[in-house]
Amino acid sequence: MSFPFRYLLCLTTGLFSILSLADQVTLSNGDRITGTLIEQTTDQLVIDTAYAGKIKIKRSEIINLSTDHPLRVQLHDGRQLDGVLKAEQPASLRIETLDGQRIPLGGLDTIAVIGAIPSDKPAEYEWRGNIVLSGEARSGNTDTDKLNLSTRVVAEKKKDNRFTVSAILAREHVDDRLTKEQYRLDGKYDHFFHDRWYGFLATSFEQDPFRDIDLRSVFSAGSGYQFFDSDELRLSLEAGFSYTDTRFIVDQDDDYAGFNWGLNWEQSLPGDKLKFFHRHRGNQGLDSTDNLIIKAQTGVKFPIAAGLSASAEYDLDWDRSPPDNTRSTDHTYLLGVAYDW
């Protein structure tokens, strides 16, 4: 047997071994989906595939399944078993428990919930984030170049700590003349005192010469409540106190203590064909009602492929008492491409 052929045979055997170890879900139409089973509830099953990311399948469409790694299986009769699920015919299951038992389960209707086996190890940080690129290039009677780049990264240890960093860069040229230049960097730390209650420390730095802002720094602290925290729905509301220091290019510098609030909302709409997000922050000075700043980002994402989506976004930046010769409101409409991980 020649070396190339032996190498190809080993490679093919290894590939089929890897594929055979994947979890497998059999559907009522005969299709089979392979990947890593994440969880099963009374309504749906979630499996993470290499070709399409996480897929949600209605429980009613599944006739059988098997796994290659141990999971916790909660039965309707109250039993809780840890082990590997094996599919049998016709449409029946058995579980091979961690202590070596082989227990017939019957059909899927005997199972209430399937999930990961809780670990005794301390929880590790989960990472998620996105990067969004929007732009425009136009030539002819008017030459226009626009670029808007934003990113948001979250490192979270569930019910413990969460770090969030986001950044925005926006530049625009019209007929070789710079007409927009904006930079912003935000950082935030959340510490959970309870499953839902948390305290936070946050800071924000912003530069926008077209709004006469050489550097605006905001430092804030307060408390928040996490109503939901899952891939399908994240919703939190928070409030606290802040200190704002603004160095203007022309106008007189200003600083003040204030009250701030925030709303963070991310939701997958039915069918997972559309993802909605809204982030809102307000900052009201305690010395004067004129010192009120509101920033909001609202948008939707249309999934294209695993991790990749088309993005449509509207940003609002409102200042009740802007510097002289500047407007109080900036509206930004963005169409671009987003990558989420």
Protein backbone atom coordinates (compact mmCIF):
# COMPACT_ATOMS: atom_id res chain seq x y z
CA MET A 1 0.00 0.00 0.00
CA SER A 2 1.56 3.29 -1.08
CA PHE A 3 2.19 6.06 1.44
CA PRO A 4 -0.28 8.56 -0.12
CA PHE A 5 -3.04 5.95 -0.10
CA ARG A 6 -2.35 4.97 3.54
CA TYR A 7 -2.38 8.65 4.47
CA LEU A 8 -5.69 9.20 2.67
CA LEU A 9 -7.19 6.10 4.32
CA CYS A 10 -6.16 7.27 7.79
CA LEU A 11 -7.49 10.74 7.12
CA THR A 12 -10.82 9.40 5.86
CA THR A 13 -11.15 6.99 8.80
CA GLY A 14 -10.39 9.77 11.26
CA LEU A 15 -12.93 12.04 9.61
CA PHE A 16 -15.66 9.42 9.80
CA SER A 17 -14.74 8.73 13.42
CA ILE A 18 -15.18 12.38 14.26
CA LEU A 19 -18.49 12.57 12.44
CA SER A 20 -19.74 9.43 14.11
CA LEU A 21 -19.12 10.97 17.53
CA ALA A 22 -21.39 13.91 16.88
CA ASP A 23 -24.81 14.13 18.53
CA GLN A 24 -27.56 13.28 16.08
CA VAL A 25 -31.20 14.35 15.88
CA THR A 26 -33.61 12.45 13.62
CA LEU A 27 -36.61 14.37 12.32
CA SER A 28 -40.04 13.10 11.33
CA ASN A 29 -39.31 13.91 7.65
CA GLY A 30 -36.26 11.64 7.70
CA ASP A 31 -33.60 14.37 7.92
CA ARG A 32 -30.75 13.94 10.37
CA ILE A 33 -28.96 16.86 11.99
CA THR A 34 -25.54 16.39 13.59
CA GLY A 35 -23.76 18.65 16.04
CA THR A 36 -23.60 19.21 19.79
CA LEU A 37 -26.87 18.99 21.69
CA ILE A 38 -27.13 22.01 24.01
CA GLU A 39 -30.49 21.48 25.69
CA GLN A 40 -34.00 20.18 25.26
CA THR A 41 -37.06 21.68 26.90
CA THR A 42 -40.71 20.67 26.71
CA ASP A 43 -41.08 22.79 23.55
CA GLN A 44 -37.83 22.69 21.61
CA LEU A 45 -34.34 21.29 21.23
CA VAL A 46 -31.19 23.34 20.61
CA ILE A 47 -28.25 21.81 18.74
CA ASP A 48 -25.00 23.59 17.81
CA THR A 49 -23.90 22.67 14.29
CA ALA A 50 -20.61 23.35 12.52
CA TYR A 51 -22.36 24.58 9.36
CA ALA A 52 -25.21 26.78 10.66
CA GLY A 53 -24.47 27.58 14.29
CA LYS A 54 -27.20 26.96 16.86
CA ILE A 55 -30.40 25.50 15.44
CA LYS A 56 -33.71 25.36 17.32
CA ILE A 57 -36.02 22.48 16.48
CA LYS A 58 -39.61 22.03 17.61
CA ARG A 59 -39.98 19.03 19.90
CA SER A 60 -42.92 17.78 17.82
CA GLU A 61 -40.66 17.42 14.75
CA ILE A 62 -38.19 15.03 16.47
CA ILE A 63 -38.63 11.27 16.48
CA ASN A 64 -35.27 10.21 17.95
CA LEU A 65 -31.85 11.39 19.06
CA SER A 66 -28.49 10.16 20.31
CA THR A 67 -25.54 11.85 22.00
CA ASP A 68 -21.82 11.15 22.23
CA HIS A 69 -21.29 13.03 25.52
CA PRO A 70 -22.97 12.72 28.93
CA LEU A 71 -25.98 14.93 29.64
CA ARG A 72 -28.46 15.28 32.50
CA VAL A 73 -31.84 13.79 31.60
CA GLN A 74 -34.90 14.70 33.65
CA LEU A 75 -37.76 12.23 33.17
CA HIS A 76 -41.45 12.93 33.61
CA ASP A 77 -41.60 10.31 36.39
CA GLY A 78 -39.21 12.43 38.46
CA ARG A 79 -36.02 10.44 37.87
CA GLN A 80 -32.84 12.34 37.04
CA LEU A 81 -30.16 10.42 35.13
CA ASP A 82 -26.68 11.42 33.93
CA GLY A 83 -25.35 9.60 30.89
CA VAL A 84 -25.22 9.13 27.12
CA LEU A 85 -28.41 8.73 25.11
CA LYS A 86 -28.57 5.99 22.48
CA ALA A 87 -31.24 5.74 19.78
CA GLU A 88 -33.01 2.42 19.28
CA GLN A 89 -35.60 1.31 16.77
CA PRO A 90 -38.40 1.96 16.47
CA ALA A 91 -38.25 5.49 17.94
CA SER A 92 -37.10 4.44 21.38
CA LEU A 93 -34.19 5.40 23.60
CA ARG A 94 -31.91 4.04 26.26
CA ILE A 95 -29.45 5.85 28.50
CA GLU A 96 -26.01 4.52 29.39
CA THR A 97 -25.40 6.08 32.80
CA LEU A 98 -22.05 7.17 34.17
CA ASP A 99 -22.02 4.19 36.57
CA GLY A 100 -22.39 1.67 33.71
CA GLN A 101 -26.13 0.97 33.73
CA ARG A 102 -28.16 0.63 30.52
CA ILE A 103 -31.69 1.84 31.18
CA PRO A 104 -34.45 1.70 28.52
CA LEU A 105 -36.43 4.93 28.39
CA GLY A 106 -39.04 4.23 25.74
CA GLY A 107 -39.88 7.18 23.49
CA LEU A 108 -39.00 10.87 23.67
CA ASP A 109 -42.25 11.57 25.49
CA THR A 110 -40.74 10.05 28.64
CA ILE A 111 -38.17 12.88 28.79
CA ALA A 112 -39.04 16.26 30.28
CA VAL A 113 -35.75 18.15 30.00
CA ILE A 114 -32.20 17.51 28.79
CA GLY A 115 -29.29 19.75 29.78
CA ALA A 116 -25.64 19.92 30.74
CA ILE A 117 -24.45 18.16 33.88
CA PRO A 118 -23.63 20.84 36.48
CA SER A 119 -19.91 21.13 37.16
CA ASP A 120 -18.27 21.49 40.54
CA LYS A 121 -15.68 23.77 38.94
CA PRO A 122 -16.08 27.55 39.28
CA ALA A 123 -17.98 29.09 36.39
CA GLU A 124 -15.80 30.34 33.54
CA TYR A 125 -16.28 33.53 31.57
CA GLU A 126 -18.47 33.34 28.50
CA TRP A 127 -17.48 35.61 25.65
CA ARG A 128 -19.78 37.17 23.09
CA GLY A 129 -19.57 40.21 20.87
CA ASN A 130 -20.05 41.74 17.48
CA ILE A 131 -18.48 44.05 14.98
CA VAL A 132 -20.56 46.15 12.57
CA LEU A 133 -19.22 47.83 9.43
CA SER A 134 -21.27 50.42 7.53
CA GLY A 135 -20.07 52.59 4.70
CA GLU A 136 -20.78 54.45 1.51
CA ALA A 137 -18.65 55.46 -1.46
CA ARG A 138 -20.10 57.76 -4.12
CA SER A 139 -18.45 59.59 -7.00
CA GLY A 140 -19.72 61.95 -9.68
CA ASN A 141 -21.21 65.35 -9.02
CA THR A 142 -20.43 64.77 -5.35
CA ASP A 143 -17.63 62.57 -4.05
CA THR A 144 -18.63 61.00 -0.74
CA ASP A 145 -16.82 58.51 1.49
CA LYS A 146 -18.48 57.34 4.72
CA LEU A 147 -17.24 54.81 7.26
CA ASN A 148 -18.86 53.73 10.51
CA LEU A 149 -17.23 50.96 12.53
CA SER A 150 -18.55 49.78 15.88
CA THR A 151 -17.79 46.85 18.15
CA ARG A 152 -19.13 45.49 21.43
CA VAL A 153 -17.50 42.73 23.50
CA VAL A 154 -18.92 41.12 26.65
CA ALA A 155 -17.14 38.74 29.04
CA GLU A 156 -19.61 37.30 31.55
CA LYS A 157 -19.46 34.85 34.43
CA LYS A 158 -23.14 34.10 34.99
CA LYS A 159 -24.59 35.51 38.22
CA ASP A 160 -21.15 36.80 39.21
CA ASN A 161 -19.31 39.35 37.08
CA ARG A 162 -19.65 40.94 33.65
CA PHE A 163 -17.31 43.18 31.67
CA THR A 164 -18.51 45.14 28.63
CA VAL A 165 -16.36 47.19 26.25
CA SER A 166 -17.72 49.01 23.19
CA ALA A 167 -16.23 51.44 20.68
CA ILE A 168 -17.47 53.56 17.78
CA LEU A 169 -15.49 55.20 14.98
CA ALA A 170 -17.28 57.35 12.38
CA ARG A 171 -15.71 59.43 9.61
CA GLU A 172 -17.16 61.13 6.55
CA HIS A 173 -15.61 63.01 3.62
CA VAL A 174 -17.57 65.04 1.06
CA ASP A 175 -15.56 66.37 -1.93
CA ASP A 176 -12.28 65.74 -0.05
CA ARG A 177 -13.55 67.76 2.92
CA LEU A 178 -13.89 66.12 6.33
CA THR A 179 -17.51 66.56 7.43
CA LYS A 180 -17.73 64.10 10.33
CA GLU A 181 -15.26 62.66 12.81
CA GLN A 182 -16.46 60.90 15.92
CA TYR A 183 -14.76 58.54 18.36
CA ARG A 184 -16.27 56.91 21.43
CA LEU A 185 -15.06 54.30 23.93
CA ASP A 186 -17.23 52.81 26.71
CA GLY A 187 -16.29 50.41 29.49
CA LYS A 188 -18.50 48.87 32.16
CA TYR A 189 -18.17 46.41 35.03
CA ASP A 190 -21.18 44.66 36.60
CA HIS A 191 -21.08 42.67 39.84
CA PHE A 192 -24.11 40.53 40.67
CA PHE A 193 -25.25 40.55 44.29
CA HIS A 194 -28.21 38.33 43.45
CA ASP A 195 -29.40 36.28 40.48
CA ARG A 196 -30.83 39.48 38.95
CA TRP A 197 -29.60 42.49 40.97
CA TYR A 198 -26.17 43.93 40.22
CA GLY A 199 -24.05 46.99 40.88
CA PHE A 200 -22.06 48.68 38.14
CA LEU A 201 -19.13 51.00 37.49
CA ALA A 202 -18.93 52.59 34.04
CA THR A 203 -16.89 55.11 32.11
CA SER A 204 -17.24 56.73 28.70
CA PHE A 205 -14.90 58.86 26.58
CA GLU A 206 -16.06 60.74 23.52
CA GLN A 207 -14.52 63.07 20.95
CA ASP A 208 -16.49 64.92 18.26
CA PRO A 209 -14.94 68.15 16.93
CA PHE A 210 -17.98 68.90 14.75
CA ARG A 211 -20.00 69.19 17.93
CA ASP A 212 -17.21 71.21 19.58
CA ILE A 213 -16.30 68.30 21.89
CA ASP A 214 -12.58 67.93 22.39
CA LEU A 215 -13.10 65.28 25.08
CA ARG A 216 -16.16 64.34 27.13
CA SER A 217 -15.56 61.96 30.05
CA VAL A 218 -18.40 60.40 32.01
CA PHE A 219 -17.90 58.31 35.15
CA SER A 220 -20.91 56.58 36.69
CA ALA A 221 -21.92 54.03 39.33
CA GLY A 222 -25.24 52.55 40.32
CA SER A 223 -27.42 49.46 40.38
CA GLY A 224 -29.29 47.44 37.77
CA TYR A 225 -31.81 44.63 37.44
CA GLN A 226 -31.42 41.83 34.86
CA PHE A 227 -34.94 40.77 33.86
CA PHE A 228 -33.77 38.22 31.24
CA ASP A 229 -30.34 36.93 30.22
CA SER A 230 -30.41 34.35 27.42
CA ASP A 231 -29.55 34.19 23.73
CA GLU A 232 -33.25 34.69 22.95
CA LEU A 233 -33.83 37.70 25.22
CA ARG A 234 -31.60 40.02 27.22
CA LEU A 235 -33.26 42.86 29.10
CA SER A 236 -31.86 45.01 31.90
CA LEU A 237 -32.67 48.36 33.46
CA GLU A 238 -30.25 50.41 35.58
CA ALA A 239 -29.81 53.76 37.27
CA GLY A 240 -27.16 55.57 39.31
CA PHE A 241 -25.10 58.71 39.75
CA SER A 242 -22.51 60.18 37.41
CA TYR A 243 -19.85 62.83 36.97
CA THR A 244 -19.46 64.46 33.56
CA ASP A 245 -16.46 66.54 32.49
CA THR A 246 -16.47 68.11 29.02
CA ARG A 247 -13.59 69.96 27.41
CA PHE A 248 -14.87 71.99 24.47
CA ILE A 249 -12.80 73.23 21.56
CA VAL A 250 -14.36 76.71 21.53
CA ASP A 251 -17.07 76.83 24.18
CA GLN A 252 -16.34 77.09 27.90
CA ASP A 253 -15.44 73.80 29.61
CA ASP A 254 -18.10 72.30 31.87
CA ASP A 255 -18.37 69.65 34.56
CA TYR A 256 -21.23 68.52 36.80
CA ALA A 257 -22.60 65.70 38.93
CA GLY A 258 -25.69 64.00 37.65
CA PHE A 259 -28.18 61.16 37.62
CA ASN A 260 -28.03 58.53 34.87
CA TRP A 261 -30.17 55.65 33.67
CA GLY A 262 -29.90 52.95 31.04
CA LEU A 263 -31.84 50.28 29.18
CA ASN A 264 -30.31 47.30 27.37
CA TRP A 265 -32.63 45.17 25.24
CA GLU A 266 -31.69 42.39 22.78
CA GLN A 267 -34.28 39.96 21.44
CA SER A 268 -34.59 37.27 18.79
CA LEU A 269 -37.97 37.56 17.13
CA PRO A 270 -40.07 34.43 16.37
CA GLY A 271 -38.38 32.12 13.90
CA ASP A 272 -34.93 33.60 14.60
CA LYS A 273 -35.12 35.38 11.25
CA LEU A 274 -34.74 38.79 12.87
CA LYS A 275 -32.78 40.07 15.86
CA PHE A 276 -33.78 43.36 17.50
CA PHE A 277 -31.67 45.53 19.81
CA HIS A 278 -32.12 48.81 21.65
CA ARG A 279 -29.61 50.49 23.95
CA HIS A 280 -30.54 53.72 25.68
CA ARG A 281 -28.59 55.91 28.10
CA GLY A 282 -29.56 59.20 29.70
CA ASN A 283 -27.52 61.60 31.83
CA GLN A 284 -29.23 64.46 33.71
CA GLY A 285 -27.12 67.05 35.55
CA LEU A 286 -28.15 67.84 39.12
CA ASP A 287 -27.14 71.51 38.89
CA SER A 288 -29.30 72.42 35.90
CA THR A 289 -32.08 70.84 33.85
CA ASP A 290 -30.25 72.08 30.72
CA ASN A 291 -27.52 69.49 31.31
CA LEU A 292 -29.38 66.56 29.78
CA ILE A 293 -27.81 64.15 27.30
CA ILE A 294 -29.53 61.13 25.72
CA LYS A 295 -27.90 58.53 23.47
CA ALA A 296 -29.76 55.62 21.89
CA GLN A 297 -29.08 52.91 19.34
CA THR A 298 -31.92 50.93 17.82
CA GLY A 299 -31.65 48.36 15.08
CA VAL A 300 -32.34 44.97 13.57
CA LYS A 301 -30.14 42.23 12.17
CA PHE A 302 -31.10 39.78 9.43
CA PRO A 303 -29.04 36.55 9.68
CA ILE A 304 -27.33 35.60 6.42
CA ALA A 305 -24.99 32.79 7.47
CA ALA A 306 -23.41 31.47 10.66
CA GLY A 307 -22.42 34.60 12.60
CA LEU A 308 -22.96 36.94 9.63
CA SER A 309 -25.95 39.24 9.22
CA ALA A 310 -27.18 42.36 7.47
CA SER A 311 -27.69 45.27 9.85
CA ALA A 312 -29.99 48.30 9.87
CA GLU A 313 -29.53 50.81 12.69
CA TYR A 314 -30.71 54.22 13.83
CA ASP A 315 -28.60 56.21 16.33
CA LEU A 316 -29.82 59.22 18.26
CA ASP A 317 -27.51 61.69 20.04
CA TRP A 318 -29.37 64.53 21.79
CA ASP A 319 -28.02 67.37 23.96
CA ARG A 320 -30.52 69.79 25.48
CA SER A 321 -27.95 72.62 25.70
CA PRO A 322 -25.41 72.12 22.90
CA PRO A 323 -22.44 74.48 22.37
CA ASP A 324 -22.99 77.62 20.31
CA ASN A 325 -23.28 77.07 16.54
CA THR A 326 -24.06 73.36 16.93
CA ARG A 327 -27.37 71.52 16.77
CA SER A 328 -28.92 69.66 19.67
CA THR A 329 -29.69 66.45 17.75
CA ASP A 330 -27.64 64.12 15.58
CA HIS A 331 -29.50 61.43 13.62
CA THR A 332 -27.50 58.59 12.07
CA TYR A 333 -28.97 55.93 9.77
CA LEU A 334 -26.75 52.94 9.07
CA LEU A 335 -26.95 49.97 6.70
CA GLY A 336 -24.10 47.51 6.99
CA VAL A 337 -22.80 44.04 7.71
CA ALA A 338 -22.42 42.57 11.20
CA TYR A 339 -20.48 39.61 12.52
CA ASP A 340 -21.51 38.11 15.87
CA TRP A 341 -19.68 35.51 17.93
